[in-house]
N, C-alpha and C. Protein backbone atom coordinates (compact mmCIF):
# COMPACT_ATOMS: atom_id res chain seq x y z
N UNK A 1 -18.33 -9.55 -0.46
CA UNK A 1 -18.36 -10.10 1.22
C UNK A 1 -18.66 -9.31 2.04
N UNK A 2 -18.98 -9.87 2.92
CA UNK A 2 -19.73 -9.09 4.16
C UNK A 2 -18.39 -8.77 5.16
N UNK A 3 -18.99 -7.94 6.31
CA UNK A 3 -18.01 -7.19 7.08
C UNK A 3 -17.53 -8.46 8.22
N UNK A 4 -18.04 -9.94 7.80
CA UNK A 4 -17.84 -10.64 9.31
C UNK A 4 -16.14 -10.77 9.23
N UNK A 5 -16.03 -11.37 10.54
CA UNK A 5 -14.34 -11.48 10.83
C UNK A 5 -13.37 -11.96 9.99
N UNK A 6 -12.26 -11.72 9.90
CA UNK A 6 -10.97 -11.50 8.89
C UNK A 6 -10.75 -13.27 8.82
N UNK A 7 -10.75 -13.58 7.35
CA UNK A 7 -10.49 -14.98 7.46
C UNK A 7 -9.10 -15.15 6.38
N UNK A 8 -8.40 -15.97 6.22
CA UNK A 8 -7.35 -16.23 4.98
C UNK A 8 -8.14 -17.32 4.06
N UNK A 9 -7.83 -16.66 2.94
CA UNK A 9 -8.21 -17.29 1.58
C UNK A 9 -6.91 -17.45 0.71
N UNK A 10 -6.93 -18.63 0.03
CA UNK A 10 -6.44 -18.37 -1.18
C UNK A 10 -6.52 -17.87 -2.38
N UNK A 11 -6.14 -16.50 -2.83
CA UNK A 11 -6.56 -16.00 -4.24
C UNK A 11 -6.91 -16.80 -5.29
N UNK A 12 -5.65 -17.41 -5.47
CA UNK A 12 -5.82 -18.18 -6.86
C UNK A 12 -7.22 -19.04 -6.69
N UNK A 13 -7.61 -19.79 -5.89
CA UNK A 13 -8.71 -20.61 -5.63
C UNK A 13 -10.00 -19.89 -5.36
N UNK A 14 -9.98 -18.55 -5.47
CA UNK A 14 -11.45 -18.28 -4.84
C UNK A 14 -12.31 -17.74 -6.45
N UNK A 15 -11.58 -18.13 -7.62
CA UNK A 15 -12.18 -17.92 -8.87
C UNK A 15 -11.80 -19.27 -9.86
N UNK A 16 -12.72 -19.98 -10.35
CA UNK A 16 -12.21 -21.08 -11.28
C UNK A 16 -12.54 -20.56 -12.72
N UNK A 17 -11.43 -21.34 -13.84
CA UNK A 17 -11.64 -21.35 -15.08
C UNK A 17 -12.89 -21.70 -15.43
N UNK A 18 -13.50 -21.16 -16.56
CA UNK A 18 -14.75 -22.02 -17.53
C UNK A 18 -14.43 -21.72 -18.97
N UNK A 19 -14.81 -22.98 -19.40
CA UNK A 19 -14.60 -23.18 -20.82
C UNK A 19 -15.04 -21.85 -21.56
N UNK A 20 -14.32 -21.16 -22.62
CA UNK A 20 -14.69 -20.24 -23.35
C UNK A 20 -15.06 -18.77 -22.65
N UNK A 21 -14.82 -18.61 -21.58
CA UNK A 21 -15.48 -17.67 -20.74
C UNK A 21 -14.66 -16.66 -20.01
N UNK A 22 -14.69 -15.52 -19.35
CA UNK A 22 -14.29 -14.84 -18.52
C UNK A 22 -15.15 -14.99 -17.12
N UNK A 23 -14.69 -15.05 -16.17
CA UNK A 23 -15.25 -15.49 -14.94
C UNK A 23 -14.69 -14.23 -13.83
N UNK A 24 -15.64 -13.57 -13.46
CA UNK A 24 -15.05 -12.44 -12.24
C UNK A 24 -15.85 -12.60 -10.98
N UNK A 25 -15.11 -12.22 -9.68
CA UNK A 25 -15.53 -12.36 -8.32
C UNK A 25 -15.22 -11.32 -7.72
N UNK A 26 -16.15 -10.45 -7.18
CA UNK A 26 -15.67 -9.45 -6.56
C UNK A 26 -15.37 -9.74 -5.19
N UNK A 27 -14.32 -9.21 -4.20
CA UNK A 27 -13.63 -9.49 -3.30
C UNK A 27 -14.14 -8.73 -2.47
N UNK A 28 -13.98 -7.51 -2.69
CA UNK A 28 -14.32 -6.21 -2.19
C UNK A 28 -14.96 -5.35 -2.39
N UNK A 29 -15.97 -4.48 -1.93
CA UNK A 29 -16.32 -3.28 -2.72
C UNK A 29 -16.64 -2.37 -1.71
N UNK A 30 -16.04 -1.20 -1.70
CA UNK A 30 -16.36 -0.17 -0.95
C UNK A 30 -16.40 1.11 -1.93
N UNK A 31 -16.72 2.36 -1.17
CA UNK A 31 -16.72 3.62 -2.00
C UNK A 31 -15.42 3.85 -2.58
N UNK A 32 -14.41 3.51 -1.60
CA UNK A 32 -13.17 4.15 -2.17
C UNK A 32 -12.50 3.54 -3.21
N UNK A 33 -13.12 2.05 -3.33
CA UNK A 33 -12.57 1.03 -4.66
C UNK A 33 -12.92 -0.54 -4.47
N UNK A 34 -12.81 -0.97 -5.53
CA UNK A 34 -13.25 -2.51 -5.58
C UNK A 34 -11.83 -3.53 -6.02
N UNK A 35 -11.76 -4.42 -5.34
CA UNK A 35 -10.83 -5.67 -5.58
C UNK A 35 -11.68 -6.94 -6.01
N UNK A 36 -11.49 -7.25 -7.42
CA UNK A 36 -12.08 -8.05 -8.36
C UNK A 36 -11.05 -9.14 -9.03
N UNK A 37 -11.44 -10.39 -8.35
CA UNK A 37 -10.57 -11.65 -9.03
C UNK A 37 -11.30 -11.94 -10.61
N UNK A 38 -10.44 -12.25 -11.55
CA UNK A 38 -10.80 -12.72 -13.00
C UNK A 38 -10.24 -14.11 -13.44
N UNK A 39 -10.75 -14.67 -14.25
CA UNK A 39 -9.93 -16.22 -14.63
C UNK A 39 -10.76 -16.03 -16.15
N UNK A 40 -9.44 -16.01 -16.93
CA UNK A 40 -9.75 -16.00 -18.40
C UNK A 40 -9.29 -17.11 -18.83
N UNK A 41 -10.35 -17.50 -19.48
CA UNK A 41 -10.15 -18.94 -20.62
C UNK A 41 -9.08 -18.69 -21.60
N UNK A 42 -8.45 -19.51 -22.10
CA UNK A 42 -7.44 -19.18 -23.42
C UNK A 42 -8.69 -18.51 -24.54
N UNK A 43 -7.74 -17.70 -25.12
CA UNK A 43 -8.31 -16.53 -26.18
C UNK A 43 -9.47 -15.88 -25.94
N UNK A 44 -9.69 -15.64 -24.48
CA UNK A 44 -10.95 -14.83 -24.41
C UNK A 44 -10.22 -13.21 -23.76
N UNK A 45 -10.88 -12.29 -24.06
CA UNK A 45 -10.30 -10.74 -23.86
C UNK A 45 -11.28 -10.00 -23.45
N UNK A 46 -10.87 -8.89 -22.86
CA UNK A 46 -11.60 -7.64 -22.78
C UNK A 46 -11.09 -6.69 -23.69
N UNK A 47 -12.10 -6.00 -24.20
CA UNK A 47 -11.66 -5.39 -25.56
C UNK A 47 -11.34 -3.91 -24.96
N UNK A 48 -10.76 -3.44 -25.81
CA UNK A 48 -10.01 -1.63 -25.20
C UNK A 48 -11.07 -0.87 -24.88
N UNK A 49 -10.91 -0.16 -23.54
CA UNK A 49 -11.80 0.64 -23.04
C UNK A 49 -10.82 1.24 -22.04
N UNK A 50 -11.85 2.54 -21.46
CA UNK A 50 -10.79 3.63 -20.80
C UNK A 50 -11.65 3.27 -19.21
N UNK A 51 -10.92 3.71 -17.90
CA UNK A 51 -11.47 3.97 -16.78
C UNK A 51 -11.01 5.21 -16.24
N UNK A 52 -12.05 5.74 -15.39
CA UNK A 52 -11.58 7.14 -15.11
C UNK A 52 -10.55 6.99 -13.85
N UNK A 53 -10.14 5.86 -13.58
CA UNK A 53 -9.58 5.44 -12.01
C UNK A 53 -8.05 4.68 -12.53
N UNK A 54 -6.99 4.55 -11.68
CA UNK A 54 -5.94 3.94 -11.64
C UNK A 54 -6.46 2.58 -11.41
N UNK A 55 -5.90 1.63 -12.15
CA UNK A 55 -6.14 0.18 -11.66
C UNK A 55 -4.91 -0.65 -11.43
N UNK A 56 -4.55 -1.12 -10.67
CA UNK A 56 -3.60 -2.40 -10.37
C UNK A 56 -4.03 -3.51 -10.82
N UNK A 57 -3.10 -4.40 -11.99
CA UNK A 57 -3.29 -5.61 -12.06
C UNK A 57 -2.40 -6.59 -11.49
N UNK A 58 -2.80 -7.62 -10.89
CA UNK A 58 -1.54 -8.72 -10.26
C UNK A 58 -2.06 -9.92 -11.05
N UNK A 59 -0.84 -10.36 -11.61
CA UNK A 59 -1.26 -12.19 -12.39
C UNK A 59 -1.07 -12.92 -11.17
N UNK A 60 -1.85 -13.66 -11.26
CA UNK A 60 -1.91 -14.91 -10.00
C UNK A 60 -1.59 -16.26 -10.62
N UNK A 61 -1.78 -16.36 -11.81
CA UNK A 61 -1.82 -17.37 -12.56
C UNK A 61 -1.68 -17.68 -14.14
N UNK A 62 -0.73 -18.15 -14.77
CA UNK A 62 -0.61 -18.08 -16.33
C UNK A 62 0.03 -16.48 -16.82
N UNK A 63 -0.36 -16.33 -17.91
CA UNK A 63 0.34 -15.03 -18.46
C UNK A 63 -0.89 -14.46 -19.18
N UNK A 64 -0.59 -13.15 -19.44
CA UNK A 64 -1.53 -12.29 -20.27
C UNK A 64 -0.98 -11.44 -21.09
N UNK A 65 -1.47 -10.51 -21.99
CA UNK A 65 -0.80 -9.56 -22.75
C UNK A 65 -1.94 -8.26 -22.56
N UNK A 66 -1.37 -7.10 -21.76
CA UNK A 66 -2.15 -6.12 -21.41
C UNK A 66 -1.76 -4.90 -22.38
N UNK A 67 -2.52 -4.16 -23.04
CA UNK A 67 -2.26 -3.06 -23.66
C UNK A 67 -2.64 -1.94 -23.31
N UNK A 68 -1.75 -1.04 -23.15
CA UNK A 68 -1.88 0.27 -22.36
C UNK A 68 -1.44 1.25 -23.52
N UNK A 69 -2.49 2.06 -23.92
CA UNK A 69 -2.29 3.18 -25.08
C UNK A 69 -1.63 2.48 -26.28
N UNK A 70 -2.24 1.39 -26.34
CA UNK A 70 -1.79 0.74 -27.80
C UNK A 70 -0.21 0.22 -27.40
N UNK A 71 0.37 -0.29 -26.39
CA UNK A 71 1.50 -0.50 -26.29
C UNK A 71 1.28 -2.00 -25.63
N UNK A 72 1.64 -3.18 -25.90
CA UNK A 72 1.49 -4.23 -25.36
C UNK A 72 2.52 -4.65 -24.35
N UNK A 73 2.00 -5.32 -23.31
CA UNK A 73 2.91 -5.75 -22.05
C UNK A 73 2.61 -7.18 -21.76
N UNK A 74 3.81 -7.81 -21.69
CA UNK A 74 3.52 -9.71 -21.53
C UNK A 74 3.70 -9.99 -19.99
N UNK A 75 2.86 -10.13 -19.31
CA UNK A 75 2.83 -10.13 -17.84
C UNK A 75 2.45 -11.72 -17.54
N UNK A 76 3.29 -12.05 -16.27
CA UNK A 76 3.01 -13.44 -15.99
C UNK A 76 2.80 -13.55 -14.45
N UNK A 77 2.62 -14.80 -14.30
CA UNK A 77 2.26 -14.93 -12.42
C UNK A 77 3.55 -14.54 -11.61
N UNK A 78 2.83 -13.39 -11.13
CA UNK A 78 3.84 -12.76 -9.74
C UNK A 78 3.96 -11.25 -10.54
N UNK A 79 3.73 -11.06 -11.59
CA UNK A 79 4.06 -9.80 -12.17
C UNK A 79 2.82 -8.86 -11.81
N UNK A 80 3.32 -7.52 -11.66
CA UNK A 80 2.01 -6.72 -11.64
C UNK A 80 2.12 -5.31 -12.71
N UNK A 81 1.02 -4.62 -13.06
CA UNK A 81 1.29 -3.44 -14.06
C UNK A 81 0.06 -2.61 -13.64
N UNK A 82 0.45 -1.61 -13.38
CA UNK A 82 -0.55 -0.04 -13.63
C UNK A 82 -1.17 0.06 -14.47
N UNK A 83 -2.60 0.07 -14.78
CA UNK A 83 -3.17 0.80 -15.88
C UNK A 83 -3.44 2.24 -15.61
N UNK A 84 -3.07 3.27 -16.02
CA UNK A 84 -3.32 4.60 -15.62
C UNK A 84 -4.87 5.12 -16.10
N UNK A 85 -5.43 5.80 -15.04
CA UNK A 85 -6.60 6.61 -15.26
C UNK A 85 -6.67 7.11 -16.79
N UNK A 86 -7.88 7.05 -17.39
CA UNK A 86 -8.13 7.81 -18.81
C UNK A 86 -7.24 6.92 -19.84
N UNK A 87 -6.49 6.11 -19.81
CA UNK A 87 -5.43 5.48 -20.98
C UNK A 87 -6.43 4.19 -21.24
N UNK A 88 -6.36 4.39 -22.61
CA UNK A 88 -7.19 3.27 -23.50
C UNK A 88 -6.52 2.01 -22.95
N UNK A 89 -7.10 0.78 -22.42
CA UNK A 89 -6.36 -0.64 -22.04
C UNK A 89 -6.90 -1.64 -22.60
N UNK A 90 -6.56 -2.80 -23.06
CA UNK A 90 -7.34 -4.00 -23.26
C UNK A 90 -6.40 -5.21 -22.72
N UNK A 91 -7.27 -6.28 -22.45
CA UNK A 91 -6.52 -7.36 -21.79
C UNK A 91 -6.95 -8.65 -22.68
N UNK A 92 -5.76 -9.68 -22.80
CA UNK A 92 -6.14 -10.87 -23.76
C UNK A 92 -5.28 -11.90 -23.52
N UNK A 93 -5.87 -12.84 -23.33
CA UNK A 93 -5.34 -14.29 -22.55
C UNK A 93 -4.78 -15.27 -23.57
N UNK A 94 -3.79 -15.48 -24.12
CA UNK A 94 -3.35 -16.29 -25.40
C UNK A 94 -3.18 -17.75 -24.50
N UNK A 95 -3.56 -17.95 -23.20
CA UNK A 95 -3.58 -19.25 -22.69
C UNK A 95 -4.35 -18.65 -21.20
N UNK A 96 -4.97 -19.59 -20.47
CA UNK A 96 -5.52 -19.33 -19.08
C UNK A 96 -4.82 -18.70 -18.48
N UNK A 97 -5.54 -17.54 -17.86
CA UNK A 97 -4.64 -16.86 -16.72
C UNK A 97 -5.91 -16.32 -15.69
N UNK A 98 -5.26 -16.05 -14.35
CA UNK A 98 -5.78 -15.27 -13.30
C UNK A 98 -5.01 -14.20 -12.88
N UNK A 99 -6.27 -13.30 -12.70
CA UNK A 99 -5.54 -11.71 -12.10
C UNK A 99 -6.54 -11.00 -11.19
N UNK A 100 -5.89 -10.49 -10.13
CA UNK A 100 -6.58 -9.68 -9.36
C UNK A 100 -6.61 -8.14 -9.53
N UNK A 101 -7.74 -7.31 -9.74
CA UNK A 101 -7.83 -6.32 -10.17
C UNK A 101 -8.25 -5.26 -8.80
N UNK A 102 -7.27 -4.08 -8.75
CA UNK A 102 -7.84 -3.62 -7.64
C UNK A 102 -7.70 -1.73 -7.92
N UNK A 103 -8.88 -1.43 -8.12
CA UNK A 103 -8.97 0.02 -8.48
C UNK A 103 -9.64 1.15 -7.29
N UNK A 104 -8.93 1.56 -7.40
CA UNK A 104 -9.05 2.85 -6.14
C UNK A 104 -9.68 4.09 -6.96
N UNK A 105 -10.34 4.94 -6.50
CA UNK A 105 -11.08 5.82 -6.61
C UNK A 105 -10.81 6.82 -6.18
N UNK A 106 -10.27 8.22 -6.77
CA UNK A 106 -9.67 8.98 -6.17
C UNK A 106 -9.61 10.19 -7.06
């Protein structure tokens, strides 16, 4: 997004589901970090990986399983979870779900 005047948006509507896919949309990208929306179709996943920064996941719709350092966490609409820097994590969608990912670089 650009630096145009502020506007109100409904987060859950800014990214749509797509059959058999994970869809993402960058909402904000700055040197200090990014905010990205994701929509996962049922059965989709992000395989285990690490990131050098903390990341905050907020579930907007549906539910997901997020594994951090091998420990699974079930998160539902309205829940949030922090994925600590340098800890392996993975995201799996047993059913369709949407999340907002905020990554802070520090």
